[in-house]
Amino acid sequence: MSRPPASALLLAALCGAGLAGAPEPPPPREGEAVERLQAWADKILYHDDTGKFTFTGKVLVLKGELRVDCSAMEGAVDPKTREIVRIIATGDVSLSTVDTIKISPGGERPVTKSEAPDAWRATCTKADYDLRAGRIIMTSAEGKPRPQLRRAQGNGEADTIIFLPNKGEYELIGNPVIRGEIPTGPAKPPKRTVDPKAKAKEEPKAKDTPPPKQP
């Protein structure tokens, strides 16, 4: 069992499981699109023997245009492919599709914006994300608000919400309530930029120094 630094991106210890800070994963098969999953957390715990990991404290995950924020997250890595196959977010979980991602070369948490009119937004207390199936199952704990899904002028809630972010499709199960129209279809890929302030810190300009005085 290893305990990488809290500032690590999810994580070099996972040996190229498609994660930030790790070696690049193998190239995708023909006709297959693969996007790296990136995550940031205050504390990271990885079990080498089981391939399971746990993140706690201000967890932030990016997968393509999808952003997930939560209090804690656990997941599993396929021991053969070294790819993350499942993550489970718990706590005050919020999901959104973002249109702008501002990346810091130093590895700090990115700044994202979700201002597109077709952005997806969802809240729940548990989100079970099967990355192979591209399916997120959202539920809520007893006494907490039910899962909610919003897009454009429409919103819906139910006991369980199944969301397919890659396809932009959803299913409301258990006493569903829909207000307005929730358009289907995937969100547009985000625009990625580099934070100029962070870049300036990484690459400080050299200061001019006067020539040495002649003796």
N, C-alpha and C. Protein backbone atom coordinates (compact mmCIF):
# COMPACT_ATOMS: atom_id res chain seq x y z
N MET A 1 0.85 -1.19 0.00
CA MET A 1 0.00 0.00 0.00
C MET A 1 0.88 1.23 0.00
N SER A 2 0.55 2.22 -0.85
CA SER A 2 1.36 3.43 -0.95
C SER A 2 0.52 4.65 -0.66
N ARG A 3 1.15 5.71 -0.18
CA ARG A 3 0.46 6.95 0.15
C ARG A 3 1.19 8.11 -0.50
N PRO A 4 0.85 8.46 -1.77
CA PRO A 4 1.53 9.52 -2.47
C PRO A 4 1.25 10.88 -1.83
N PRO A 5 2.03 11.91 -2.16
CA PRO A 5 1.79 13.24 -1.62
C PRO A 5 0.39 13.71 -1.97
N ALA A 6 -0.19 14.53 -1.06
CA ALA A 6 -1.56 14.99 -1.26
C ALA A 6 -1.69 15.85 -2.50
N SER A 7 -0.61 16.49 -2.91
CA SER A 7 -0.69 17.37 -4.08
C SER A 7 -0.58 16.62 -5.39
N ALA A 8 -0.35 15.31 -5.32
CA ALA A 8 -0.15 14.55 -6.55
C ALA A 8 -1.41 14.51 -7.38
N LEU A 9 -1.25 14.52 -8.69
CA LEU A 9 -2.37 14.28 -9.58
C LEU A 9 -2.59 12.78 -9.61
N LEU A 10 -3.75 12.41 -9.75
CA LEU A 10 -4.22 11.03 -9.63
C LEU A 10 -3.54 10.02 -10.53
N LEU A 11 -2.66 9.36 -10.43
CA LEU A 11 -1.48 9.50 -9.62
C LEU A 11 -0.40 8.72 -10.30
N ALA A 12 0.80 9.12 -10.12
CA ALA A 12 1.89 8.40 -10.75
C ALA A 12 1.96 6.97 -10.23
N ALA A 13 1.46 6.75 -9.04
CA ALA A 13 1.49 5.41 -8.46
C ALA A 13 0.61 4.43 -9.22
N LEU A 14 -0.33 4.94 -10.01
CA LEU A 14 -1.22 4.05 -10.75
C LEU A 14 -0.63 3.64 -12.10
N CYS A 15 0.58 4.03 -12.36
CA CYS A 15 1.33 3.47 -13.48
C CYS A 15 0.61 3.53 -14.82
N GLY A 16 0.25 4.72 -15.23
CA GLY A 16 -0.28 4.87 -16.57
C GLY A 16 -1.69 4.39 -16.73
N ALA A 17 -2.53 4.54 -15.72
CA ALA A 17 -3.92 4.09 -15.83
C ALA A 17 -4.77 5.16 -16.47
N GLY A 18 -4.19 5.93 -17.39
CA GLY A 18 -4.92 6.99 -18.04
C GLY A 18 -5.10 8.19 -17.16
N LEU A 19 -4.15 8.47 -16.26
CA LEU A 19 -4.32 9.50 -15.27
C LEU A 19 -3.31 10.60 -15.43
N ALA A 20 -3.67 11.77 -14.90
CA ALA A 20 -2.75 12.89 -14.94
C ALA A 20 -1.54 12.57 -14.10
N GLY A 21 -0.38 12.99 -14.57
CA GLY A 21 0.84 12.76 -13.84
C GLY A 21 1.44 11.39 -14.08
N ALA A 22 0.75 10.53 -14.82
CA ALA A 22 1.25 9.20 -15.12
C ALA A 22 1.65 9.12 -16.58
N PRO A 23 2.45 8.10 -16.97
CA PRO A 23 2.81 7.95 -18.37
C PRO A 23 1.58 7.84 -19.25
N GLU A 24 1.70 8.20 -20.49
CA GLU A 24 0.58 8.13 -21.42
C GLU A 24 0.13 6.69 -21.60
N PRO A 25 -1.20 6.44 -21.63
CA PRO A 25 -1.69 5.08 -21.84
C PRO A 25 -1.43 4.62 -23.25
N PRO A 26 -1.59 3.31 -23.54
CA PRO A 26 -1.38 2.82 -24.90
C PRO A 26 -2.32 3.51 -25.87
N PRO A 27 -1.94 3.64 -27.16
CA PRO A 27 -2.82 4.29 -28.12
C PRO A 27 -4.13 3.54 -28.27
N PRO A 28 -5.25 4.25 -28.52
CA PRO A 28 -6.54 3.58 -28.65
C PRO A 28 -6.59 2.69 -29.87
N ARG A 29 -7.48 1.68 -29.80
CA ARG A 29 -7.70 0.83 -30.96
C ARG A 29 -8.40 1.62 -32.04
N GLU A 30 -8.34 1.12 -33.26
CA GLU A 30 -8.93 1.83 -34.39
C GLU A 30 -10.41 2.07 -34.14
N GLY A 31 -10.83 3.31 -34.34
CA GLY A 31 -12.22 3.68 -34.16
C GLY A 31 -12.61 3.93 -32.71
N GLU A 32 -11.64 3.88 -31.79
CA GLU A 32 -11.93 4.07 -30.38
C GLU A 32 -11.29 5.36 -29.90
N ALA A 33 -12.07 6.19 -29.22
CA ALA A 33 -11.58 7.45 -28.67
C ALA A 33 -11.37 7.28 -27.17
N VAL A 34 -10.20 7.67 -26.68
CA VAL A 34 -9.90 7.53 -25.27
C VAL A 34 -9.46 8.89 -24.74
N GLU A 35 -10.08 9.31 -23.62
CA GLU A 35 -9.70 10.56 -22.99
C GLU A 35 -9.20 10.24 -21.59
N ARG A 36 -8.11 10.88 -21.20
CA ARG A 36 -7.55 10.62 -19.88
C ARG A 36 -8.50 11.10 -18.78
N LEU A 37 -8.55 10.34 -17.71
CA LEU A 37 -9.24 10.77 -16.52
C LEU A 37 -8.21 11.43 -15.62
N GLN A 38 -8.51 12.62 -15.14
CA GLN A 38 -7.61 13.36 -14.27
C GLN A 38 -8.32 13.65 -12.96
N ALA A 39 -7.58 13.67 -11.86
CA ALA A 39 -8.22 13.95 -10.58
C ALA A 39 -7.26 14.65 -9.63
N TRP A 40 -7.83 15.42 -8.73
CA TRP A 40 -7.10 16.12 -7.69
C TRP A 40 -7.81 15.88 -6.37
N ALA A 41 -7.07 15.72 -5.28
CA ALA A 41 -7.67 15.51 -3.96
C ALA A 41 -6.66 15.88 -2.89
N ASP A 42 -7.16 16.14 -1.68
CA ASP A 42 -6.26 16.47 -0.57
C ASP A 42 -5.47 15.24 -0.12
N LYS A 43 -6.14 14.08 -0.13
CA LYS A 43 -5.48 12.85 0.30
C LYS A 43 -5.78 11.73 -0.69
N ILE A 44 -4.75 10.93 -0.97
CA ILE A 44 -4.88 9.84 -1.93
C ILE A 44 -4.29 8.57 -1.32
N LEU A 45 -5.06 7.49 -1.39
CA LEU A 45 -4.59 6.21 -0.87
C LEU A 45 -4.79 5.15 -1.94
N TYR A 46 -3.71 4.43 -2.29
CA TYR A 46 -3.77 3.43 -3.35
C TYR A 46 -3.28 2.10 -2.82
N HIS A 47 -4.05 1.04 -3.09
CA HIS A 47 -3.69 -0.31 -2.66
C HIS A 47 -3.11 -1.07 -3.85
N ASP A 48 -1.83 -1.32 -3.82
CA ASP A 48 -1.17 -1.99 -4.94
C ASP A 48 -1.70 -3.41 -5.16
N ASP A 49 -2.04 -4.10 -4.07
CA ASP A 49 -2.43 -5.50 -4.20
C ASP A 49 -3.82 -5.68 -4.80
N THR A 50 -4.73 -4.74 -4.55
CA THR A 50 -6.10 -4.87 -5.05
C THR A 50 -6.41 -3.96 -6.23
N GLY A 51 -5.58 -2.95 -6.46
CA GLY A 51 -5.86 -2.00 -7.53
C GLY A 51 -6.95 -1.01 -7.17
N LYS A 52 -7.32 -0.93 -5.90
CA LYS A 52 -8.35 0.01 -5.48
C LYS A 52 -7.72 1.27 -4.90
N PHE A 53 -8.41 2.39 -5.04
CA PHE A 53 -7.89 3.65 -4.53
C PHE A 53 -9.00 4.44 -3.87
N THR A 54 -8.59 5.38 -3.02
CA THR A 54 -9.53 6.23 -2.30
C THR A 54 -9.01 7.67 -2.33
N PHE A 55 -9.89 8.61 -2.62
CA PHE A 55 -9.57 10.04 -2.57
C PHE A 55 -10.47 10.68 -1.53
N THR A 56 -9.94 11.60 -0.75
CA THR A 56 -10.74 12.33 0.22
C THR A 56 -10.32 13.79 0.23
N GLY A 57 -11.28 14.65 0.48
CA GLY A 57 -11.00 16.07 0.63
C GLY A 57 -10.96 16.83 -0.67
N LYS A 58 -12.03 17.56 -0.96
CA LYS A 58 -12.11 18.44 -2.14
C LYS A 58 -11.71 17.69 -3.42
N VAL A 59 -12.38 16.60 -3.67
CA VAL A 59 -12.07 15.77 -4.83
C VAL A 59 -12.61 16.42 -6.10
N LEU A 60 -11.77 16.50 -7.11
CA LEU A 60 -12.14 17.04 -8.42
C LEU A 60 -11.67 16.06 -9.48
N VAL A 61 -12.59 15.65 -10.36
CA VAL A 61 -12.27 14.73 -11.43
C VAL A 61 -12.71 15.32 -12.77
N LEU A 62 -11.85 15.19 -13.78
CA LEU A 62 -12.19 15.60 -15.14
C LEU A 62 -12.06 14.40 -16.06
N LYS A 63 -13.08 14.19 -16.88
CA LYS A 63 -13.05 13.14 -17.91
C LYS A 63 -13.68 13.73 -19.15
N GLY A 64 -12.81 14.16 -20.09
CA GLY A 64 -13.34 14.87 -21.25
C GLY A 64 -13.97 16.18 -20.82
N GLU A 65 -15.23 16.38 -21.19
CA GLU A 65 -15.94 17.60 -20.81
C GLU A 65 -16.66 17.45 -19.47
N LEU A 66 -16.63 16.27 -18.85
CA LEU A 66 -17.36 16.03 -17.61
C LEU A 66 -16.50 16.35 -16.40
N ARG A 67 -17.06 17.13 -15.48
CA ARG A 67 -16.41 17.46 -14.21
C ARG A 67 -17.24 16.88 -13.08
N VAL A 68 -16.55 16.25 -12.11
CA VAL A 68 -17.20 15.70 -10.94
C VAL A 68 -16.52 16.27 -9.70
N ASP A 69 -17.32 16.85 -8.80
CA ASP A 69 -16.83 17.34 -7.51
C ASP A 69 -17.53 16.56 -6.41
N CYS A 70 -16.78 16.17 -5.38
CA CYS A 70 -17.38 15.41 -4.29
C CYS A 70 -16.48 15.47 -3.07
N SER A 71 -16.98 14.92 -1.95
CA SER A 71 -16.21 14.89 -0.71
C SER A 71 -15.23 13.73 -0.68
N ALA A 72 -15.64 12.60 -1.27
CA ALA A 72 -14.79 11.41 -1.26
C ALA A 72 -15.07 10.59 -2.50
N MET A 73 -14.10 9.77 -2.88
CA MET A 73 -14.26 8.93 -4.06
C MET A 73 -13.42 7.67 -3.88
N GLU A 74 -13.97 6.55 -4.33
CA GLU A 74 -13.20 5.32 -4.38
C GLU A 74 -13.35 4.73 -5.77
N GLY A 75 -12.44 3.86 -6.12
CA GLY A 75 -12.50 3.29 -7.46
C GLY A 75 -11.59 2.10 -7.60
N ALA A 76 -11.54 1.58 -8.83
CA ALA A 76 -10.76 0.38 -9.09
C ALA A 76 -10.06 0.48 -10.43
N VAL A 77 -8.88 -0.13 -10.50
CA VAL A 77 -8.07 -0.18 -11.72
C VAL A 77 -8.02 -1.62 -12.22
N ASP A 78 -8.20 -1.82 -13.51
CA ASP A 78 -8.08 -3.15 -14.10
C ASP A 78 -6.62 -3.58 -14.00
N PRO A 79 -6.32 -4.69 -13.33
CA PRO A 79 -4.92 -5.09 -13.15
C PRO A 79 -4.20 -5.45 -14.44
N LYS A 80 -4.97 -5.80 -15.48
CA LYS A 80 -4.34 -6.19 -16.74
C LYS A 80 -4.07 -4.97 -17.63
N THR A 81 -5.05 -4.11 -17.77
CA THR A 81 -4.90 -2.96 -18.67
C THR A 81 -4.37 -1.73 -17.96
N ARG A 82 -4.40 -1.72 -16.60
CA ARG A 82 -3.99 -0.57 -15.79
C ARG A 82 -4.87 0.65 -16.09
N GLU A 83 -6.09 0.41 -16.48
CA GLU A 83 -7.03 1.49 -16.74
C GLU A 83 -8.06 1.55 -15.60
N ILE A 84 -8.48 2.77 -15.28
CA ILE A 84 -9.53 2.92 -14.29
C ILE A 84 -10.84 2.46 -14.91
N VAL A 85 -11.55 1.57 -14.23
CA VAL A 85 -12.78 1.01 -14.78
C VAL A 85 -14.02 1.48 -14.02
N ARG A 86 -13.84 1.98 -12.82
CA ARG A 86 -15.00 2.40 -12.03
C ARG A 86 -14.60 3.41 -10.98
N ILE A 87 -15.44 4.42 -10.77
CA ILE A 87 -15.27 5.35 -9.67
C ILE A 87 -16.63 5.58 -9.02
N ILE A 88 -16.63 5.73 -7.70
CA ILE A 88 -17.85 5.98 -6.95
C ILE A 88 -17.64 7.24 -6.13
N ALA A 89 -18.38 8.29 -6.48
CA ALA A 89 -18.29 9.57 -5.78
C ALA A 89 -19.37 9.64 -4.72
N THR A 90 -19.03 10.12 -3.52
CA THR A 90 -19.99 10.23 -2.43
C THR A 90 -19.86 11.59 -1.75
N GLY A 91 -20.88 11.89 -0.93
CA GLY A 91 -20.91 13.19 -0.28
C GLY A 91 -21.81 14.12 -1.07
N ASP A 92 -21.51 15.40 -1.06
CA ASP A 92 -22.25 16.37 -1.86
C ASP A 92 -21.69 16.32 -3.28
N VAL A 93 -22.25 15.46 -4.10
CA VAL A 93 -21.72 15.23 -5.45
C VAL A 93 -22.38 16.18 -6.44
N SER A 94 -21.56 16.82 -7.25
CA SER A 94 -22.07 17.64 -8.34
C SER A 94 -21.34 17.26 -9.62
N LEU A 95 -22.11 17.14 -10.71
CA LEU A 95 -21.55 16.82 -12.01
C LEU A 95 -21.94 17.93 -12.98
N SER A 96 -21.04 18.24 -13.89
CA SER A 96 -21.35 19.25 -14.90
C SER A 96 -20.46 19.04 -16.11
N THR A 97 -20.95 19.45 -17.26
CA THR A 97 -20.11 19.47 -18.46
C THR A 97 -19.58 20.88 -18.61
N VAL A 98 -18.30 20.99 -18.89
CA VAL A 98 -17.64 22.29 -18.93
C VAL A 98 -17.26 22.63 -20.36
N ASP A 99 -17.19 23.93 -20.66
CA ASP A 99 -16.83 24.36 -22.01
C ASP A 99 -15.43 24.95 -22.07
N THR A 100 -14.85 25.28 -20.90
CA THR A 100 -13.49 25.84 -20.87
C THR A 100 -12.74 25.22 -19.70
N ILE A 101 -11.52 24.76 -19.95
CA ILE A 101 -10.65 24.23 -18.91
C ILE A 101 -9.33 24.97 -18.97
N LYS A 102 -9.00 25.68 -17.90
CA LYS A 102 -7.74 26.42 -17.84
C LYS A 102 -6.76 25.59 -17.01
N ILE A 103 -5.71 25.12 -17.68
CA ILE A 103 -4.78 24.18 -17.08
C ILE A 103 -3.55 24.91 -16.54
N SER A 104 -3.06 24.46 -15.40
CA SER A 104 -1.84 25.00 -14.83
C SER A 104 -0.69 24.04 -15.10
N PRO A 105 0.41 24.52 -15.69
CA PRO A 105 1.55 23.64 -15.96
C PRO A 105 2.14 23.04 -14.69
N GLY A 106 1.93 23.70 -13.54
CA GLY A 106 2.49 23.20 -12.30
C GLY A 106 1.69 22.10 -11.65
N GLY A 107 0.55 21.72 -12.26
CA GLY A 107 -0.23 20.63 -11.72
C GLY A 107 -1.29 21.03 -10.71
N GLU A 108 -1.49 22.35 -10.49
CA GLU A 108 -2.53 22.77 -9.57
C GLU A 108 -3.91 22.48 -10.16
N ARG A 109 -4.92 22.59 -9.31
CA ARG A 109 -6.28 22.34 -9.78
C ARG A 109 -6.64 23.28 -10.91
N PRO A 110 -7.25 22.76 -11.96
CA PRO A 110 -7.61 23.63 -13.09
C PRO A 110 -8.83 24.48 -12.77
N VAL A 111 -8.99 25.53 -13.55
CA VAL A 111 -10.18 26.39 -13.45
C VAL A 111 -11.08 26.06 -14.63
N THR A 112 -12.34 25.76 -14.36
CA THR A 112 -13.26 25.39 -15.43
C THR A 112 -14.44 26.34 -15.46
N LYS A 113 -15.06 26.45 -16.62
CA LYS A 113 -16.28 27.24 -16.77
C LYS A 113 -17.34 26.37 -17.44
N SER A 114 -18.57 26.58 -17.02
CA SER A 114 -19.69 25.83 -17.57
C SER A 114 -20.80 26.83 -17.93
N GLU A 115 -20.55 27.59 -18.97
CA GLU A 115 -21.46 28.66 -19.36
C GLU A 115 -22.25 28.34 -20.63
N ALA A 116 -21.98 27.21 -21.26
CA ALA A 116 -22.68 26.85 -22.49
C ALA A 116 -24.17 26.62 -22.18
N PRO A 117 -25.05 27.06 -23.07
CA PRO A 117 -26.49 26.88 -22.83
C PRO A 117 -26.91 25.42 -22.80
N ASP A 118 -26.12 24.53 -23.40
CA ASP A 118 -26.48 23.11 -23.41
C ASP A 118 -25.70 22.30 -22.38
N ALA A 119 -25.11 22.96 -21.39
CA ALA A 119 -24.33 22.25 -20.38
C ALA A 119 -25.23 21.37 -19.51
N TRP A 120 -24.74 20.18 -19.20
CA TRP A 120 -25.44 19.29 -18.28
C TRP A 120 -25.00 19.62 -16.85
N ARG A 121 -25.95 19.53 -15.90
CA ARG A 121 -25.64 19.72 -14.49
C ARG A 121 -26.47 18.73 -13.68
N ALA A 122 -25.85 18.15 -12.65
CA ALA A 122 -26.56 17.17 -11.84
C ALA A 122 -26.03 17.22 -10.41
N THR A 123 -26.89 16.85 -9.46
CA THR A 123 -26.50 16.76 -8.06
C THR A 123 -27.09 15.48 -7.46
N CYS A 124 -26.36 14.91 -6.50
CA CYS A 124 -26.80 13.70 -5.81
C CYS A 124 -25.87 13.49 -4.62
N THR A 125 -26.05 12.39 -3.89
CA THR A 125 -25.12 12.08 -2.81
C THR A 125 -24.26 10.86 -3.13
N LYS A 126 -24.58 10.17 -4.24
CA LYS A 126 -23.74 9.06 -4.68
C LYS A 126 -23.84 8.93 -6.19
N ALA A 127 -22.68 8.87 -6.85
CA ALA A 127 -22.62 8.69 -8.30
C ALA A 127 -21.68 7.54 -8.60
N ASP A 128 -22.21 6.47 -9.17
CA ASP A 128 -21.44 5.27 -9.50
C ASP A 128 -21.16 5.31 -11.01
N TYR A 129 -19.90 5.55 -11.38
CA TYR A 129 -19.51 5.77 -12.77
C TYR A 129 -18.78 4.55 -13.30
N ASP A 130 -19.44 3.81 -14.21
CA ASP A 130 -18.82 2.69 -14.90
C ASP A 130 -18.19 3.24 -16.18
N LEU A 131 -16.87 3.38 -16.20
CA LEU A 131 -16.21 4.03 -17.33
C LEU A 131 -16.26 3.19 -18.59
N ARG A 132 -16.26 1.88 -18.45
CA ARG A 132 -16.32 1.03 -19.63
C ARG A 132 -17.68 1.13 -20.32
N ALA A 133 -18.73 1.20 -19.53
CA ALA A 133 -20.07 1.31 -20.10
C ALA A 133 -20.45 2.75 -20.40
N GLY A 134 -19.67 3.71 -19.86
CA GLY A 134 -20.02 5.12 -20.05
C GLY A 134 -21.32 5.47 -19.36
N ARG A 135 -21.55 4.89 -18.18
CA ARG A 135 -22.83 5.05 -17.49
C ARG A 135 -22.62 5.51 -16.05
N ILE A 136 -23.40 6.52 -15.64
CA ILE A 136 -23.37 7.01 -14.28
C ILE A 136 -24.73 6.77 -13.64
N ILE A 137 -24.75 6.09 -12.50
CA ILE A 137 -25.99 5.86 -11.76
C ILE A 137 -25.98 6.76 -10.52
N MET A 138 -26.95 7.67 -10.45
CA MET A 138 -27.00 8.64 -9.37
C MET A 138 -28.14 8.32 -8.40
N THR A 139 -27.82 8.31 -7.12
CA THR A 139 -28.80 8.09 -6.07
C THR A 139 -28.52 9.06 -4.93
N SER A 140 -29.40 9.07 -3.93
CA SER A 140 -29.21 9.93 -2.77
C SER A 140 -29.52 9.19 -1.50
N ALA A 141 -28.86 9.58 -0.42
CA ALA A 141 -29.07 8.95 0.87
C ALA A 141 -30.40 9.38 1.46
N GLU A 142 -30.90 8.58 2.39
CA GLU A 142 -32.17 8.88 3.03
C GLU A 142 -32.09 10.22 3.75
N GLY A 143 -33.12 11.02 3.56
CA GLY A 143 -33.16 12.34 4.19
C GLY A 143 -32.50 13.43 3.37
N LYS A 144 -31.85 13.07 2.27
CA LYS A 144 -31.20 14.03 1.39
C LYS A 144 -32.07 14.28 0.16
N PRO A 145 -31.89 15.44 -0.51
CA PRO A 145 -32.66 15.69 -1.74
C PRO A 145 -32.40 14.61 -2.79
N ARG A 146 -33.42 14.32 -3.58
CA ARG A 146 -33.27 13.29 -4.61
C ARG A 146 -32.31 13.78 -5.70
N PRO A 147 -31.74 12.85 -6.47
CA PRO A 147 -30.87 13.25 -7.58
C PRO A 147 -31.62 14.16 -8.54
N GLN A 148 -30.92 15.16 -9.04
CA GLN A 148 -31.51 16.11 -9.97
C GLN A 148 -30.60 16.26 -11.19
N LEU A 149 -31.22 16.44 -12.35
CA LEU A 149 -30.50 16.59 -13.61
C LEU A 149 -31.07 17.80 -14.33
N ARG A 150 -30.19 18.67 -14.82
CA ARG A 150 -30.63 19.90 -15.46
C ARG A 150 -29.89 20.11 -16.78
N ARG A 151 -30.62 20.67 -17.74
CA ARG A 151 -30.01 21.09 -19.00
C ARG A 151 -30.93 22.10 -19.66
N ALA A 152 -30.32 23.18 -20.19
CA ALA A 152 -31.10 24.25 -20.83
C ALA A 152 -32.16 24.73 -19.83
N GLN A 153 -33.41 24.80 -20.25
CA GLN A 153 -34.48 25.28 -19.38
C GLN A 153 -35.21 24.14 -18.66
N GLY A 154 -34.76 22.90 -18.87
CA GLY A 154 -35.45 21.77 -18.28
C GLY A 154 -34.69 21.16 -17.11
N ASN A 155 -35.42 20.53 -16.22
CA ASN A 155 -34.79 19.81 -15.12
C ASN A 155 -35.68 18.66 -14.69
N GLY A 156 -35.07 17.64 -14.11
CA GLY A 156 -35.82 16.48 -13.66
C GLY A 156 -35.22 15.91 -12.40
N GLU A 157 -36.02 15.15 -11.68
CA GLU A 157 -35.55 14.47 -10.48
C GLU A 157 -36.25 13.13 -10.38
N ALA A 158 -35.61 12.20 -9.66
CA ALA A 158 -36.16 10.86 -9.48
C ALA A 158 -35.41 10.18 -8.35
N ASP A 159 -35.89 8.99 -7.97
CA ASP A 159 -35.18 8.23 -6.94
C ASP A 159 -33.80 7.79 -7.45
N THR A 160 -33.74 7.45 -8.74
CA THR A 160 -32.49 7.06 -9.38
C THR A 160 -32.42 7.70 -10.76
N ILE A 161 -31.26 8.22 -11.11
CA ILE A 161 -31.05 8.78 -12.45
C ILE A 161 -29.88 8.06 -13.10
N ILE A 162 -30.09 7.55 -14.29
CA ILE A 162 -29.02 6.94 -15.07
C ILE A 162 -28.63 7.93 -16.17
N PHE A 163 -27.37 8.30 -16.21
CA PHE A 163 -26.90 9.32 -17.14
C PHE A 163 -25.76 8.75 -17.97
N LEU A 164 -25.86 8.90 -19.30
CA LEU A 164 -24.80 8.48 -20.22
C LEU A 164 -24.14 9.73 -20.78
N PRO A 165 -23.06 10.22 -20.16
CA PRO A 165 -22.46 11.49 -20.58
C PRO A 165 -21.93 11.49 -22.00
N ASN A 166 -21.41 10.37 -22.48
CA ASN A 166 -20.85 10.34 -23.83
C ASN A 166 -21.93 10.48 -24.90
N LYS A 167 -23.13 10.02 -24.59
CA LYS A 167 -24.24 10.09 -25.55
C LYS A 167 -25.20 11.23 -25.24
N GLY A 168 -25.13 11.74 -24.02
CA GLY A 168 -26.06 12.79 -23.64
C GLY A 168 -27.47 12.26 -23.48
N GLU A 169 -27.60 11.06 -22.92
CA GLU A 169 -28.90 10.44 -22.71
C GLU A 169 -29.10 10.19 -21.22
N TYR A 170 -30.35 10.06 -20.82
CA TYR A 170 -30.64 9.86 -19.40
C TYR A 170 -31.92 9.05 -19.23
N GLU A 171 -32.10 8.51 -18.01
CA GLU A 171 -33.31 7.78 -17.66
C GLU A 171 -33.63 8.10 -16.20
N LEU A 172 -34.87 8.49 -15.93
CA LEU A 172 -35.34 8.79 -14.58
C LEU A 172 -36.16 7.60 -14.09
N ILE A 173 -35.76 7.04 -12.94
CA ILE A 173 -36.40 5.83 -12.43
C ILE A 173 -36.91 6.09 -11.01
N GLY A 174 -38.16 5.79 -10.76
CA GLY A 174 -38.72 5.93 -9.42
C GLY A 174 -39.32 7.30 -9.18
N ASN A 175 -40.63 7.42 -9.32
CA ASN A 175 -41.34 8.69 -9.09
C ASN A 175 -40.69 9.86 -9.83
N PRO A 176 -40.52 9.74 -11.14
CA PRO A 176 -39.84 10.81 -11.88
C PRO A 176 -40.70 12.07 -11.99
N VAL A 177 -40.02 13.21 -11.96
CA VAL A 177 -40.67 14.51 -12.16
C VAL A 177 -39.82 15.28 -13.16
N ILE A 178 -40.43 15.73 -14.25
CA ILE A 178 -39.72 16.50 -15.27
C ILE A 178 -40.40 17.85 -15.42
N ARG A 179 -39.62 18.90 -15.37
CA ARG A 179 -40.12 20.26 -15.54
C ARG A 179 -39.50 20.85 -16.80
N GLY A 180 -40.31 21.14 -17.78
CA GLY A 180 -39.79 21.65 -19.04
C GLY A 180 -39.18 20.53 -19.87
N GLU A 181 -38.43 20.91 -20.88
CA GLU A 181 -37.80 19.95 -21.79
C GLU A 181 -36.31 19.84 -21.49
N ILE A 182 -35.82 18.61 -21.36
CA ILE A 182 -34.40 18.36 -21.16
C ILE A 182 -33.84 17.81 -22.46
N PRO A 183 -33.17 18.62 -23.26
CA PRO A 183 -32.66 18.15 -24.56
C PRO A 183 -31.62 17.05 -24.37
N THR A 184 -31.59 16.10 -25.28
CA THR A 184 -30.59 15.04 -25.24
C THR A 184 -29.46 15.38 -26.22
N GLY A 185 -28.41 14.57 -26.20
CA GLY A 185 -27.25 14.79 -27.06
C GLY A 185 -26.03 15.17 -26.24
N PRO A 186 -24.84 14.78 -26.71
CA PRO A 186 -23.62 15.07 -25.95
C PRO A 186 -23.28 16.55 -25.97
N ALA A 187 -22.55 16.97 -24.95
CA ALA A 187 -22.05 18.34 -24.90
C ALA A 187 -20.85 18.48 -25.83
N LYS A 188 -20.55 19.71 -26.20
CA LYS A 188 -19.41 19.96 -27.07
C LYS A 188 -18.10 19.76 -26.30
N PRO A 189 -17.04 19.31 -26.97
CA PRO A 189 -15.75 19.15 -26.30
C PRO A 189 -15.28 20.49 -25.73
N PRO A 190 -14.64 20.48 -24.57
CA PRO A 190 -14.20 21.73 -23.97
C PRO A 190 -12.98 22.33 -24.64
N LYS A 191 -12.84 23.61 -24.50
CA LYS A 191 -11.64 24.31 -24.97
C LYS A 191 -10.62 24.33 -23.85
N ARG A 192 -9.43 23.84 -24.11
CA ARG A 192 -8.39 23.78 -23.10
C ARG A 192 -7.36 24.88 -23.34
N THR A 193 -7.07 25.62 -22.29
CA THR A 193 -6.08 26.69 -22.37
C THR A 193 -5.11 26.54 -21.20
N VAL A 194 -3.98 27.24 -21.31
CA VAL A 194 -2.98 27.24 -20.24
C VAL A 194 -3.08 28.55 -19.49
N ASP A 195 -3.14 28.46 -18.18
CA ASP A 195 -3.22 29.65 -17.34
C ASP A 195 -1.95 30.47 -17.52
N PRO A 196 -2.04 31.69 -18.08
CA PRO A 196 -0.82 32.48 -18.33
C PRO A 196 -0.10 32.86 -17.04
N LYS A 197 -0.86 33.06 -15.96
CA LYS A 197 -0.22 33.41 -14.69
C LYS A 197 0.59 32.24 -14.16
N ALA A 198 0.02 31.04 -14.27
CA ALA A 198 0.75 29.86 -13.81
C ALA A 198 1.97 29.62 -14.67
N LYS A 199 1.85 29.87 -15.98
CA LYS A 199 2.98 29.68 -16.87
C LYS A 199 4.10 30.65 -16.54
N ALA A 200 3.72 31.88 -16.17
CA ALA A 200 4.74 32.87 -15.82
C ALA A 200 5.51 32.44 -14.58
N LYS A 201 4.79 31.76 -13.64
CA LYS A 201 5.47 31.29 -12.45
C LYS A 201 6.42 30.15 -12.77
N GLU A 202 6.02 29.33 -13.73
CA GLU A 202 6.84 28.19 -14.09
C GLU A 202 8.08 28.60 -14.88
N GLU A 203 7.91 29.68 -15.68
CA GLU A 203 9.00 30.13 -16.53
C GLU A 203 9.28 31.60 -16.27
N PRO A 204 9.91 31.94 -15.14
CA PRO A 204 10.18 33.34 -14.83
C PRO A 204 11.17 33.93 -15.81
N LYS A 205 10.95 35.17 -16.12
CA LYS A 205 11.86 35.85 -17.04
C LYS A 205 13.19 36.16 -16.36
N ALA A 206 14.26 36.03 -17.10
CA ALA A 206 15.58 36.32 -16.54
C ALA A 206 15.75 37.81 -16.37
N LYS A 207 16.34 38.20 -15.26
CA LYS A 207 16.57 39.62 -14.98
C LYS A 207 17.91 40.05 -15.57
N ASP A 208 17.92 41.27 -16.12
CA ASP A 208 19.16 41.80 -16.63
C ASP A 208 20.08 42.16 -15.48
N THR A 209 21.33 41.79 -15.58
CA THR A 209 22.30 42.14 -14.55
C THR A 209 23.38 42.99 -15.17
N PRO A 210 23.84 44.01 -14.44
CA PRO A 210 24.87 44.89 -14.99
C PRO A 210 26.19 44.15 -15.17
N PRO A 211 27.00 44.54 -16.12
CA PRO A 211 28.30 43.87 -16.30
C PRO A 211 29.19 44.13 -15.11
N PRO A 212 30.11 43.21 -14.79
CA PRO A 212 30.99 43.41 -13.64
C PRO A 212 31.92 44.60 -13.87
N LYS A 213 32.24 45.26 -12.76
CA LYS A 213 33.10 46.43 -12.85
C LYS A 213 34.52 46.00 -13.15
N GLN A 214 35.17 46.80 -13.99
CA GLN A 214 36.57 46.51 -14.33
C GLN A 214 37.47 46.88 -13.16
N PRO A 215 38.47 46.06 -12.85
CA PRO A 215 39.39 46.40 -11.73
C PRO A 215 40.25 47.60 -12.07
